[in-house]
C-alpha atoms as a PDB file:
ATOM      1  CA  UNK A   1     -18.393   7.572 -31.239  1.00  0.00           C
ATOM      2  CA  UNK A   2     -18.464   3.822 -31.666  1.00  0.00           C
ATOM      3  CA  UNK A   3     -17.977   2.141 -28.262  1.00  0.00           C
ATOM      4  CA  UNK A   4     -16.184  -0.803 -27.923  1.00  0.00           C
ATOM      5  CA  UNK A   5     -17.831  -3.925 -27.003  1.00  0.00           C
ATOM      6  CA  UNK A   6     -16.963  -6.196 -24.346  1.00  0.00           C
ATOM      7  CA  UNK A   7     -17.472  -9.835 -24.382  1.00  0.00           C
ATOM      8  CA  UNK A   8     -16.528 -10.827 -20.826  1.00  0.00           C
ATOM      9  CA  UNK A   9     -15.474  -9.627 -17.366  1.00  0.00           C
ATOM     10  CA  UNK A  10     -14.137 -12.043 -14.447  1.00  0.00           C
ATOM     11  CA  UNK A  11     -13.966 -11.064 -10.638  1.00  0.00           C
ATOM     12  CA  UNK A  12     -12.033 -12.829  -8.588  1.00  0.00           C
ATOM     13  CA  UNK A  13     -12.511 -13.053  -4.703  1.00  0.00           C
ATOM     14  CA  UNK A  14      -9.115 -12.082  -2.820  1.00  0.00           C
ATOM     15  CA  UNK A  15      -7.643  -9.505  -0.638  1.00  0.00           C
ATOM     16  CA  UNK A  16     -10.435  -7.200   0.222  1.00  0.00           C
ATOM     17  CA  UNK A  17     -12.787  -8.452  -2.584  1.00  0.00           C
ATOM     18  CA  UNK A  18     -14.806 -11.093  -0.436  1.00  0.00           C
ATOM     19  CA  UNK A  19     -18.541 -12.335  -0.169  1.00  0.00           C
ATOM     20  CA  UNK A  20     -19.107 -10.279   2.667  1.00  0.00           C
ATOM     21  CA  UNK A  21     -17.892  -6.917   0.906  1.00  0.00           C
ATOM     22  CA  UNK A  22     -18.534  -7.641  -2.908  1.00  0.00           C
ATOM     23  CA  UNK A  23     -22.363  -6.938  -2.876  1.00  0.00           C
ATOM     24  CA  UNK A  24     -25.186  -7.311  -5.260  1.00  0.00           C
ATOM     25  CA  UNK A  25     -25.099  -3.559  -6.039  1.00  0.00           C
ATOM     26  CA  UNK A  26     -21.502  -3.849  -6.814  1.00  0.00           C
ATOM     27  CA  UNK A  27     -22.357  -6.392  -9.490  1.00  0.00           C
ATOM     28  CA  UNK A  28     -24.935  -4.600 -11.036  1.00  0.00           C
ATOM     29  CA  UNK A  29     -22.947  -1.432 -11.484  1.00  0.00           C
ATOM     30  CA  UNK A  30     -20.326  -3.066 -13.083  1.00  0.00           C
ATOM     31  CA  UNK A  31     -23.429  -4.272 -15.526  1.00  0.00           C
ATOM     32  CA  UNK A  32     -24.528  -0.925 -15.931  1.00  0.00           C
ATOM     33  CA  UNK A  33     -21.194   0.277 -16.985  1.00  0.00           C
ATOM     34  CA  UNK A  34     -20.521  -2.677 -19.403  1.00  0.00           C
ATOM     35  CA  UNK A  35     -23.903  -3.803 -20.852  1.00  0.00           C
ATOM     36  CA  UNK A  36     -24.023  -6.963 -22.801  1.00  0.00           C
ATOM     37  CA  UNK A  37     -21.029  -8.311 -21.060  1.00  0.00           C
ATOM     38  CA  UNK A  38     -20.929 -11.365 -19.542  1.00  0.00           C
ATOM     39  CA  UNK A  39     -19.639 -10.951 -15.654  1.00  0.00           C
ATOM     40  CA  UNK A  40     -18.544 -14.064 -14.250  1.00  0.00           C
ATOM     41  CA  UNK A  41     -17.855 -13.895 -10.109  1.00  0.00           C
ATOM     42  CA  UNK A  42     -15.208 -16.643  -9.184  1.00  0.00           C
ATOM     43  CA  UNK A  43     -15.130 -17.241  -5.498  1.00  0.00           C
ATOM     44  CA  UNK A  44     -12.317 -19.876  -5.077  1.00  0.00           C
ATOM     45  CA  UNK A  45      -9.660 -21.393  -7.196  1.00  0.00           C
ATOM     46  CA  UNK A  46     -12.405 -24.448  -7.975  1.00  0.00           C
ATOM     47  CA  UNK A  47     -14.485 -22.337  -9.280  1.00  0.00           C
ATOM     48  CA  UNK A  48     -12.039 -20.625 -11.514  1.00  0.00           C
ATOM     49  CA  UNK A  49     -11.062 -24.103 -12.687  1.00  0.00           C
ATOM     50  CA  UNK A  50     -14.714 -24.565 -14.328  1.00  0.00           C
ATOM     51  CA  UNK A  51     -14.820 -21.168 -15.369  1.00  0.00           C
ATOM     52  CA  UNK A  52     -11.265 -21.286 -17.156  1.00  0.00           C
ATOM     53  CA  UNK A  53     -12.825 -24.434 -18.943  1.00  0.00           C
ATOM     54  CA  UNK A  54     -15.992 -23.368 -20.162  1.00  0.00           C
ATOM     55  CA  UNK A  55     -14.766 -19.477 -20.314  1.00  0.00           C
ATOM     56  CA  UNK A  56     -11.431 -18.534 -20.841  1.00  0.00           C
ATOM     57  CA  UNK A  57     -11.292 -17.249 -24.224  1.00  0.00           C
ATOM     58  CA  UNK A  58     -14.044 -14.843 -23.479  1.00  0.00           C
ATOM     59  CA  UNK A  59     -12.126 -12.709 -20.425  1.00  0.00           C
ATOM     60  CA  UNK A  60     -10.982 -10.244 -21.750  1.00  0.00           C
ATOM     61  CA  UNK A  61     -11.308  -7.866 -18.444  1.00  0.00           C
ATOM     62  CA  UNK A  62     -10.018  -9.215 -14.966  1.00  0.00           C
ATOM     63  CA  UNK A  63     -11.118  -7.399 -11.798  1.00  0.00           C
ATOM     64  CA  UNK A  64      -9.699  -9.093  -8.429  1.00  0.00           C
ATOM     65  CA  UNK A  65      -6.416 -10.932  -7.199  1.00  0.00           C
ATOM     66  CA  UNK A  66      -4.979 -12.003 -10.307  1.00  0.00           C
ATOM     67  CA  UNK A  67      -2.318 -15.055 -10.037  1.00  0.00           C
ATOM     68  CA  UNK A  68       0.370 -15.014 -12.074  1.00  0.00           C
ATOM     69  CA  UNK A  69      -0.022 -18.802 -13.380  1.00  0.00           C
ATOM     70  CA  UNK A  70      -3.537 -17.551 -14.993  1.00  0.00           C
ATOM     71  CA  UNK A  71      -2.016 -15.265 -17.810  1.00  0.00           C
ATOM     72  CA  UNK A  72      -0.985 -17.988 -20.163  1.00  0.00           C
ATOM     73  CA  UNK A  73      -4.548 -19.743 -19.334  1.00  0.00           C
ATOM     74  CA  UNK A  74      -6.628 -16.284 -20.600  1.00  0.00           C
ATOM     75  CA  UNK A  75      -5.713 -15.958 -24.430  1.00  0.00           C
ATOM     76  CA  UNK A  76      -7.444 -12.679 -25.203  1.00  0.00           C
ATOM     77  CA  UNK A  77      -7.056 -10.877 -21.658  1.00  0.00           C
ATOM     78  CA  UNK A  78      -6.500  -7.222 -22.483  1.00  0.00           C
ATOM     79  CA  UNK A  79      -6.808  -5.448 -19.383  1.00  0.00           C
ATOM     80  CA  UNK A  80      -6.317  -6.343 -15.530  1.00  0.00           C
ATOM     81  CA  UNK A  81      -7.535  -4.204 -12.681  1.00  0.00           C
ATOM     82  CA  UNK A  82      -5.911  -5.221  -9.413  1.00  0.00           C
ATOM     83  CA  UNK A  83      -7.565  -4.898  -6.378  1.00  0.00           C
ATOM     84  CA  UNK A  84      -4.443  -3.857  -4.805  1.00  0.00           C
ATOM     85  CA  UNK A  85      -2.061  -0.698  -5.215  1.00  0.00           C
ATOM     86  CA  UNK A  86       1.295  -2.607  -5.301  1.00  0.00           C
ATOM     87  CA  UNK A  87       1.887  -4.664  -8.581  1.00  0.00           C
ATOM     88  CA  UNK A  88       5.122  -5.906  -7.598  1.00  0.00           C
ATOM     89  CA  UNK A  89       3.804  -9.603  -6.880  1.00  0.00           C
ATOM     90  CA  UNK A  90       2.485  -9.357 -10.277  1.00  0.00           C
ATOM     91  CA  UNK A  91       5.121  -8.285 -12.186  1.00  0.00           C
ATOM     92  CA  UNK A  92       7.579 -10.818 -11.001  1.00  0.00           C
ATOM     93  CA  UNK A  93       5.981 -13.088 -13.808  1.00  0.00           C
ATOM     94  CA  UNK A  94       8.177 -12.418 -17.219  1.00  0.00           C
ATOM     95  CA  UNK A  95       4.666 -13.414 -19.035  1.00  0.00           C
ATOM     96  CA  UNK A  96       2.934 -10.498 -17.538  1.00  0.00           C
ATOM     97  CA  UNK A  97       6.005  -7.831 -17.374  1.00  0.00           C
ATOM     98  CA  UNK A  98       6.530  -8.512 -21.081  1.00  0.00           C
ATOM     99  CA  UNK A  99       2.886  -9.037 -22.348  1.00  0.00           C
ATOM    100  CA  UNK A 100       0.663  -6.383 -23.651  1.00  0.00           C
ATOM    101  CA  UNK A 101      -1.840  -6.911 -20.787  1.00  0.00           C
ATOM    102  CA  UNK A 102      -2.762  -3.213 -19.138  1.00  0.00           C
ATOM    103  CA  UNK A 103      -2.331  -3.208 -15.510  1.00  0.00           C
ATOM    104  CA  UNK A 104      -4.500  -0.659 -13.344  1.00  0.00           C
ATOM    105  CA  UNK A 105      -3.815  -0.633  -9.669  1.00  0.00           C
ATOM    106  CA  UNK A 106      -5.904   0.552  -6.749  1.00  0.00           C
ATOM    107  CA  UNK A 107      -3.973   3.649  -5.946  1.00  0.00           C
ATOM    108  CA  UNK A 108      -5.862   6.240  -4.026  1.00  0.00           C
ATOM    109  CA  UNK A 109      -8.231   3.420  -2.203  1.00  0.00           C
ATOM    110  CA  UNK A 110      -5.956   3.120   0.709  1.00  0.00           C
ATOM    111  CA  UNK A 111      -4.870   7.213   0.968  1.00  0.00           C
ATOM    112  CA  UNK A 112      -7.867   7.708   3.736  1.00  0.00           C
ATOM    113  CA  UNK A 113      -7.242   4.510   5.816  1.00  0.00           C
ATOM    114  CA  UNK A 114      -3.436   4.369   5.690  1.00  0.00           C
ATOM    115  CA  UNK A 115      -2.935   7.823   6.348  1.00  0.00           C
ATOM    116  CA  UNK A 116      -4.853   7.515   9.257  1.00  0.00           C
ATOM    117  CA  UNK A 117      -3.179   4.406  10.349  1.00  0.00           C
ATOM    118  CA  UNK A 118       0.149   6.247  10.369  1.00  0.00           C
ATOM    119  CA  UNK A 119      -1.011   8.902  12.611  1.00  0.00           C
ATOM    120  CA  UNK A 120      -2.011   6.175  14.878  1.00  0.00           C
ATOM    121  CA  UNK A 121       0.755   4.618  15.363  1.00  0.00           C
ATOM    122  CA  UNK A 122       2.572   8.309  15.503  1.00  0.00           C
ATOM    123  CA  UNK A 123       0.412   8.960  18.112  1.00  0.00           C
ATOM    124  CA  UNK A 124       0.964   5.642  20.025  1.00  0.00           C
ATOM    125  CA  UNK A 125       4.830   6.744  20.130  1.00  0.00           C
ATOM    126  CA  UNK A 126       3.960  10.575  21.046  1.00  0.00           C
ATOM    127  CA  UNK A 127       1.809   9.576  24.037  1.00  0.00           C
ATOM    128  CA  UNK A 128       3.488   6.288  24.726  1.00  0.00           C
ATOM    129  CA  UNK A 129       0.665   4.264  24.351  1.00  0.00           C
ATOM    130  CA  UNK A 130       2.152   1.189  23.434  1.00  0.00           C
ATOM    131  CA  UNK A 131       3.856   0.902  27.204  1.00  0.00           C
ATOM    132  CA  UNK A 132       0.943   2.164  29.139  1.00  0.00           C
ATOM    133  CA  UNK A 133      -1.296  -0.550  27.450  1.00  0.00           C
ATOM    134  CA  UNK A 134       1.237  -3.270  28.812  1.00  0.00           C
ATOM    135  CA  UNK A 135       0.536  -1.713  32.436  1.00  0.00           C
ATOM    136  CA  UNK A 136      -2.583  -1.665  31.852  1.00  0.00           C
ATOM    137  CA  UNK A 137      -2.385  -5.477  30.855  1.00  0.00           C
ATOM    138  CA  UNK A 138      -0.069  -6.299  34.116  1.00  0.00           C
ATOM    139  CA  UNK A 139      -2.553  -4.191  35.949  1.00  0.00           C
ATOM    140  CA  UNK A 140      -0.038  -1.689  37.465  1.00  0.00           C
ATOM    141  CA  UNK A 141      -0.184   2.145  37.689  1.00  0.00           C
ATOM    142  CA  UNK A 142       2.733   3.749  35.794  1.00  0.00           C
ATOM    143  CA  UNK A 143       2.861   7.543  35.206  1.00  0.00           C
ATOM    144  CA  UNK A 144       5.223   7.875  32.484  1.00  0.00           C
ATOM    145  CA  UNK A 145       6.891  11.417  31.784  1.00  0.00           C
ATOM    146  CA  UNK A 146       8.475  10.174  28.481  1.00  0.00           C
ATOM    147  CA  UNK A 147       5.924  11.321  25.834  1.00  0.00           C
ATOM    148  CA  UNK A 148       5.972  14.131  23.477  1.00  0.00           C
ATOM    149  CA  UNK A 149       3.803  16.755  21.130  1.00  0.00           C
ATOM    150  CA  UNK A 150       3.790  16.311  17.681  1.00  0.00           C
ATOM    151  CA  UNK A 151       3.270  20.222  17.085  1.00  0.00           C
ATOM    152  CA  UNK A 152       6.608  21.474  15.615  1.00  0.00           C
ATOM    153  CA  UNK A 153       8.137  18.299  14.944  1.00  0.00           C
ATOM    154  CA  UNK A 154       9.215  16.916  11.410  1.00  0.00           C
ATOM    155  CA  UNK A 155       7.881  14.158   9.283  1.00  0.00           C
ATOM    156  CA  UNK A 156       9.904  12.599   6.416  1.00  0.00           C
ATOM    157  CA  UNK A 157       8.153  10.932   4.119  1.00  0.00           C
ATOM    158  CA  UNK A 158       9.735   8.069   1.579  1.00  0.00           C
ATOM    159  CA  UNK A 159       7.566   8.476  -1.208  1.00  0.00           C
ATOM    160  CA  UNK A 160       5.080  10.929  -1.682  1.00  0.00           C
ATOM    161  CA  UNK A 161       2.644   9.442  -3.991  1.00  0.00           C
ATOM    162  CA  UNK A 162      -1.438   9.649  -3.435  1.00  0.00           C
ATOM    163  CA  UNK A 163      -1.025   7.970   0.488  1.00  0.00           C
ATOM    164  CA  UNK A 164       2.136  10.060   1.476  1.00  0.00           C
ATOM    165  CA  UNK A 165       0.197  13.170   0.115  1.00  0.00           C
ATOM    166  CA  UNK A 166      -2.775  12.758   2.556  1.00  0.00           C
ATOM    167  CA  UNK A 167      -0.516  11.713   5.474  1.00  0.00           C
ATOM    168  CA  UNK A 168       1.303  15.326   4.462  1.00  0.00           C
ATOM    169  CA  UNK A 169      -1.999  16.996   4.654  1.00  0.00           C
ATOM    170  CA  UNK A 170      -2.778  15.395   7.807  1.00  0.00           C
ATOM    171  CA  UNK A 171       0.485  16.184   9.374  1.00  0.00           C
ATOM    172  CA  UNK A 172       0.197  20.005   8.060  1.00  0.00           C
ATOM    173  CA  UNK A 173      -2.772  20.292   9.758  1.00  0.00           C
ATOM    174  CA  UNK A 174      -1.189  19.221  13.455  1.00  0.00           C
ATOM    175  CA  UNK A 175       1.209  22.014  12.631  1.00  0.00           C
ATOM    176  CA  UNK A 176       4.163  19.454  11.772  1.00  0.00           C
ATOM    177  CA  UNK A 177       6.697  20.251   9.546  1.00  0.00           C
ATOM    178  CA  UNK A 178       6.592  17.566   6.172  1.00  0.00           C
ATOM    179  CA  UNK A 179       9.549  16.634   4.113  1.00  0.00           C
ATOM    180  CA  UNK A 180       9.467  14.279   1.794  1.00  0.00           C
ATOM    181  CA  UNK A 181      11.727  12.005  -1.048  1.00  0.00           C
ATOM    182  CA  UNK A 182      10.100  11.224  -4.304  1.00  0.00           C
ATOM    183  CA  UNK A 183      11.995  10.256  -7.226  1.00  0.00           C
ATOM    184  CA  UNK A 184      10.780  13.661  -9.143  1.00  0.00           C
ATOM    185  CA  UNK A 185      11.456  16.185  -6.333  1.00  0.00           C
ATOM    186  CA  UNK A 186      10.473  18.872  -9.150  1.00  0.00           C
ATOM    187  CA  UNK A 187       7.119  17.721  -8.528  1.00  0.00           C
ATOM    188  CA  UNK A 188       5.752  19.727  -5.231  1.00  0.00           C
ATOM    189  CA  UNK A 189       2.945  19.087  -3.328  1.00  0.00           C
ATOM    190  CA  UNK A 190       1.251  22.036  -1.427  1.00  0.00           C
ATOM    191  CA  UNK A 191       1.484  19.911   1.892  1.00  0.00           C
ATOM    192  CA  UNK A 192       5.082  19.136   1.743  1.00  0.00           C
ATOM    193  CA  UNK A 193       7.915  21.822   2.997  1.00  0.00           C
ATOM    194  CA  UNK A 194      10.585  20.412   1.392  1.00  0.00           C
ATOM    195  CA  UNK A 195      10.954  18.067  -1.480  1.00  0.00           C
ATOM    196  CA  UNK A 196      14.297  16.000  -1.756  1.00  0.00           C
ATOM    197  CA  UNK A 197      15.172  13.274  -4.548  1.00  0.00           C
ATOM    198  CA  UNK A 198      16.273   9.842  -3.688  1.00  0.00           C
ATOM    199  CA  UNK A 199      20.092  11.510  -3.830  1.00  0.00           C
ATOM    200  CA  UNK A 200      19.334  13.323  -0.964  1.00  0.00           C
ATOM    201  CA  UNK A 201      17.605  10.575   1.082  1.00  0.00           C
ATOM    202  CA  UNK A 202      20.350  10.469   3.843  1.00  0.00           C
ATOM    203  CA  UNK A 203      19.787  14.526   4.163  1.00  0.00           C
ATOM    204  CA  UNK A 204      15.734  14.349   4.771  1.00  0.00           C
ATOM    205  CA  UNK A 205      16.414  11.251   7.272  1.00  0.00           C
ATOM    206  CA  UNK A 206      18.521  13.616   9.403  1.00  0.00           C
ATOM    207  CA  UNK A 207      16.368  16.070   9.634  1.00  0.00           C
ATOM    208  CA  UNK A 208      13.105  13.823  10.557  1.00  0.00           C
ATOM    209  CA  UNK A 209      11.383  13.284  13.872  1.00  0.00           C
ATOM    210  CA  UNK A 210       9.251  10.456  12.237  1.00  0.00           C
ATOM    211  CA  UNK A 211      10.136   8.759   8.928  1.00  0.00           C
ATOM    212  CA  UNK A 212       7.129   7.141   7.061  1.00  0.00           C
ATOM    213  CA  UNK A 213       7.664   4.573   4.601  1.00  0.00           C
ATOM    214  CA  UNK A 214       5.027   4.659   1.837  1.00  0.00           C
ATOM    215  CA  UNK A 215       7.001   4.287  -1.178  1.00  0.00           C
ATOM    216  CA  UNK A 216       5.943   1.361  -4.035  1.00  0.00           C
ATOM    217  CA  UNK A 217       7.761  -1.910  -3.429  1.00  0.00           C
ATOM    218  CA  UNK A 218      10.200  -2.145  -6.838  1.00  0.00           C
ATOM    219  CA  UNK A 219      13.289  -3.315  -7.724  1.00  0.00           C
ATOM    220  CA  UNK A 220      14.859  -0.279  -6.978  1.00  0.00           C
ATOM    221  CA  UNK A 221      13.314   0.330  -3.476  1.00  0.00           C
ATOM    222  CA  UNK A 222      13.893  -2.797  -2.240  1.00  0.00           C
ATOM    223  CA  UNK A 223      16.102  -3.095   0.991  1.00  0.00           C
ATOM    224  CA  UNK A 224      16.079   0.604   0.494  1.00  0.00           C
ATOM    225  CA  UNK A 225      16.337   1.123   4.523  1.00  0.00           C
ATOM    226  CA  UNK A 226      19.450  -0.656   5.584  1.00  0.00           C
ATOM    227  CA  UNK A 227      22.125   0.109   7.687  1.00  0.00           C
ATOM    228  CA  UNK A 228      23.483   3.695   6.626  1.00  0.00           C
ATOM    229  CA  UNK A 229      19.819   4.778   6.329  1.00  0.00           C
ATOM    230  CA  UNK A 230      19.172   3.959   9.855  1.00  0.00           C
ATOM    231  CA  UNK A 231      22.575   5.230  11.105  1.00  0.00           C
ATOM    232  CA  UNK A 232      21.545   8.887   9.702  1.00  0.00           C
ATOM    233  CA  UNK A 233      18.338   8.709  11.482  1.00  0.00           C
ATOM    234  CA  UNK A 234      17.845  10.784  14.986  1.00  0.00           C
ATOM    235  CA  UNK A 235      18.229   8.589  17.828  1.00  0.00           C
ATOM    236  CA  UNK A 236      15.030   9.743  18.888  1.00  0.00           C
ATOM    237  CA  UNK A 237      13.079   9.355  15.863  1.00  0.00           C
ATOM    238  CA  UNK A 238      10.750   6.659  14.988  1.00  0.00           C
ATOM    239  CA  UNK A 239      10.255   4.887  11.520  1.00  0.00           C
ATOM    240  CA  UNK A 240       6.967   3.742  10.056  1.00  0.00           C
ATOM    241  CA  UNK A 241       6.639   1.390   7.572  1.00  0.00           C
ATOM    242  CA  UNK A 242       3.116   0.730   6.310  1.00  0.00           C
ATOM    243  CA  UNK A 243       4.695   0.055   2.201  1.00  0.00           C
ATOM    244  CA  UNK A 244       6.168  -3.098   1.797  1.00  0.00           C
ATOM    245  CA  UNK A 245       8.274  -5.004   4.377  1.00  0.00           C
ATOM    246  CA  UNK A 246      11.082  -5.340   2.079  1.00  0.00           C
ATOM    247  CA  UNK A 247      11.694  -1.691   1.438  1.00  0.00           C
ATOM    248  CA  UNK A 248      13.308  -2.020   5.086  1.00  0.00           C
ATOM    249  CA  UNK A 249      16.069  -4.514   6.065  1.00  0.00           C
ATOM    250  CA  UNK A 250      14.929  -6.210   8.920  1.00  0.00           C
ATOM    251  CA  UNK A 251      18.191  -7.204  10.701  1.00  0.00           C
ATOM    252  CA  UNK A 252      19.740  -3.588  10.776  1.00  0.00           C
ATOM    253  CA  UNK A 253      16.262  -2.552  11.988  1.00  0.00           C
ATOM    254  CA  UNK A 254      16.473  -4.915  14.679  1.00  0.00           C
ATOM    255  CA  UNK A 255      19.608  -4.329  15.798  1.00  0.00           C
ATOM    256  CA  UNK A 256      18.909  -0.339  15.404  1.00  0.00           C
ATOM    257  CA  UNK A 257      16.240  -0.664  18.033  1.00  0.00           C
ATOM    258  CA  UNK A 258      18.379  -3.000  20.301  1.00  0.00           C
ATOM    259  CA  UNK A 259      21.070  -0.635  20.609  1.00  0.00           C
ATOM    260  CA  UNK A 260      18.993   2.323  20.325  1.00  0.00           C
ATOM    261  CA  UNK A 261      20.070   4.048  17.449  1.00  0.00           C
ATOM    262  CA  UNK A 262      16.577   5.044  16.667  1.00  0.00           C
ATOM    263  CA  UNK A 263      13.634   5.178  19.405  1.00  0.00           C
ATOM    264  CA  UNK A 264      11.488   2.675  17.805  1.00  0.00           C
ATOM    265  CA  UNK A 265       9.322   1.384  14.851  1.00  0.00           C
ATOM    266  CA  UNK A 266       5.640   1.031  14.032  1.00  0.00           C
ATOM    267  CA  UNK A 267       5.469  -1.536  11.656  1.00  0.00           C
ATOM    268  CA  UNK A 268       2.391  -2.790   9.464  1.00  0.00           C
ATOM    269  CA  UNK A 269       4.168  -4.831   6.822  1.00  0.00           C
ATOM    270  CA  UNK A 270       7.412  -7.442   7.319  1.00  0.00           C
ATOM    271  CA  UNK A 271       9.953  -9.448   5.391  1.00  0.00           C
ATOM    272  CA  UNK A 272       7.910 -12.302   5.991  1.00  0.00           C
ATOM    273  CA  UNK A 273       4.397 -12.394   6.749  1.00  0.00           C
ATOM    274  CA  UNK A 274       2.957 -13.502   8.889  1.00  0.00           C
ATOM    275  CA  UNK A 275       5.597 -12.274  10.846  1.00  0.00           C
ATOM    276  CA  UNK A 276       7.501 -15.466  12.258  1.00  0.00           C
ATOM    277  CA  UNK A 277       7.001 -16.464  15.995  1.00  0.00           C
ATOM    278  CA  UNK A 278      10.857 -16.152  17.059  1.00  0.00           C
ATOM    279  CA  UNK A 279      11.161 -12.799  15.649  1.00  0.00           C
ATOM    280  CA  UNK A 280      12.801 -10.144  18.455  1.00  0.00           C
ATOM    281  CA  UNK A 281      10.421  -7.632  17.212  1.00  0.00           C
ATOM    282  CA  UNK A 282       7.387  -9.811  18.942  1.00  0.00           C
ATOM    283  CA  UNK A 283       9.125  -8.833  22.239  1.00  0.00           C
ATOM    284  CA  UNK A 284      10.247  -5.127  22.013  1.00  0.00           C
ATOM    285  CA  UNK A 285       8.925  -2.626  23.830  1.00  0.00           C
ATOM    286  CA  UNK A 286       9.833   0.219  21.568  1.00  0.00           C
ATOM    287  CA  UNK A 287       8.182  -1.431  18.487  1.00  0.00           C
ATOM    288  CA  UNK A 288       4.073  -1.609  17.872  1.00  0.00           C
ATOM    289  CA  UNK A 289       3.242  -4.485  15.662  1.00  0.00           C
ATOM    290  CA  UNK A 290      -0.007  -4.044  13.512  1.00  0.00           C
ATOM    291  CA  UNK A 291      -0.866  -7.334  10.966  1.00  0.00           C
ATOM    292  CA  UNK A 292      -1.024  -5.422   7.495  1.00  0.00           C
ATOM    293  CA  UNK A 293      -4.231  -4.067   8.160  1.00  0.00           C
ATOM    294  CA  UNK A 294      -3.233  -0.313   7.746  1.00  0.00           C
ATOM    295  CA  UNK A 295      -5.552  -0.217   4.738  1.00  0.00           C
ATOM    296  CA  UNK A 296      -8.345  -1.712   6.045  1.00  0.00           C
ATOM    297  CA  UNK A 297     -11.389   0.087   5.326  1.00  0.00           C
ATOM    298  CA  UNK A 298     -15.437  -0.392   5.017  1.00  0.00           C
ATOM    299  CA  UNK A 299     -14.997   1.868   1.575  1.00  0.00           C
ATOM    300  CA  UNK A 300     -12.777  -0.158   0.000  1.00  0.00           C
ATOM    301  CA  UNK A 301     -14.848  -1.999  -2.813  1.00  0.00           C
ATOM    302  CA  UNK A 302     -17.235   1.437  -3.493  1.00  0.00           C
ATOM    303  CA  UNK A 303     -13.810   3.050  -3.672  1.00  0.00           C
ATOM    304  CA  UNK A 304     -12.052   0.356  -6.216  1.00  0.00           C
ATOM    305  CA  UNK A 305     -15.337   0.165  -8.169  1.00  0.00           C
ATOM    306  CA  UNK A 306     -14.969   4.159  -8.635  1.00  0.00           C
ATOM    307  CA  UNK A 307     -11.692   3.190 -10.699  1.00  0.00           C
ATOM    308  CA  UNK A 308     -12.597   0.322 -12.249  1.00  0.00           C
ATOM    309  CA  UNK A 309     -16.061   1.850 -13.778  1.00  0.00           C
ATOM    310  CA  UNK A 310     -14.432   4.798 -14.534  1.00  0.00           C
ATOM    311  CA  UNK A 311     -11.780   2.649 -16.866  1.00  0.00           C
ATOM    312  CA  UNK A 312     -14.500   0.497 -18.148  1.00  0.00           C
ATOM    313  CA  UNK A 313     -16.240   3.965 -19.864  1.00  0.00           C
ATOM    314  CA  UNK A 314     -12.635   4.753 -20.931  1.00  0.00           C
ATOM    315  CA  UNK A 315     -11.808   1.362 -22.339  1.00  0.00           C
ATOM    316  CA  UNK A 316     -14.715   1.166 -24.204  1.00  0.00           C
ATOM    317  CA  UNK A 317     -14.113   4.726 -25.682  1.00  0.00           C
ATOM    318  CA  UNK A 318     -11.054   3.729 -26.305  1.00  0.00           C
ATOM    319  CA  UNK A 319      -9.646   6.567 -24.019  1.00  0.00           C
ATOM    320  CA  UNK A 320      -6.228   5.966 -21.660  1.00  0.00           C
ATOM    321  CA  UNK A 321      -6.818   4.347 -18.518  1.00  0.00           C
ATOM    322  CA  UNK A 322      -6.406   6.010 -15.082  1.00  0.00           C
ATOM    323  CA  UNK A 323      -4.053   4.446 -12.488  1.00  0.00           C
ATOM    324  CA  UNK A 324      -1.958   2.693 -15.284  1.00  0.00           C
ATOM    325  CA  UNK A 325       0.869   1.052 -13.782  1.00  0.00           C
ATOM    326  CA  UNK A 326       4.267   1.447 -15.484  1.00  0.00           C
ATOM    327  CA  UNK A 327       5.801  -2.013 -15.726  1.00  0.00           C
ATOM    328  CA  UNK A 328       9.151  -0.589 -16.243  1.00  0.00           C
ATOM    329  CA  UNK A 329       8.802   1.166 -12.898  1.00  0.00           C
ATOM    330  CA  UNK A 330       6.628  -1.226 -11.129  1.00  0.00           C
ATOM    331  CA  UNK A 331       4.137   0.898 -10.053  1.00  0.00           C
END
């Protein structure tokens, strides 16, 4: 079989791709899978401008943080491998959304760290660690009785992709009941006890002690959790969001927390990031905040390269790529 020759690959730093994470062994791995290709590592926008001037027609493959304005300057771009699982920011550009450029994402890279982060937030609430830590900082010995157990409680997943699937697997190991909502409820999961379609979201919310938002950020999911959805939740329930801040209408979330309509929120993402200093979320004792770090892991680049190099093989062999983004669905 004749292999397709690759002329140039651009690797641009951003997100988890940095000088301290993208090492010589990673570069050599790319070169091994694309022999003969010129691989250019670009560390800054200044370097990008220089590279564009000399080599832009040569770049047919891109890896890393993709900026929408670049599409017009890459006349021969065929495929962009994103360093993120979400493609929503890239697809905001009509030039990309309507182009023939193939987009692949990093879905799967985050499944282990984010599922562990979700459990960390859940444990923080079940064992009341957020309030115990505040007592520690105050230097006060406060024994609290408002703690609970996870075993036997119900975890509700909004979005059962790779992150949701891994979260469900870990929850089942804790003897939790797991229910989920996904676009196609006919797609079952060995770790989900009941799967619902989007039209039964409120039904799922009403039975969940822990509501975890793991859906992709798309035009369909923007503002998915609003006043009616928060009203559908149990007053004892906690909501966890590690997906996109746009999925929860923050105004109604804040109100629900202030009025004790729900018990708490563990938030890694927000409508505006960084979270503004004046946000009332900072001061709420029933909120645990982390600064969009749920996907952090020392294994990020290795896992990203697993996807990228597999796709390099497929690209050269003329085979379908994995992790292809559906530009209509947005993920």
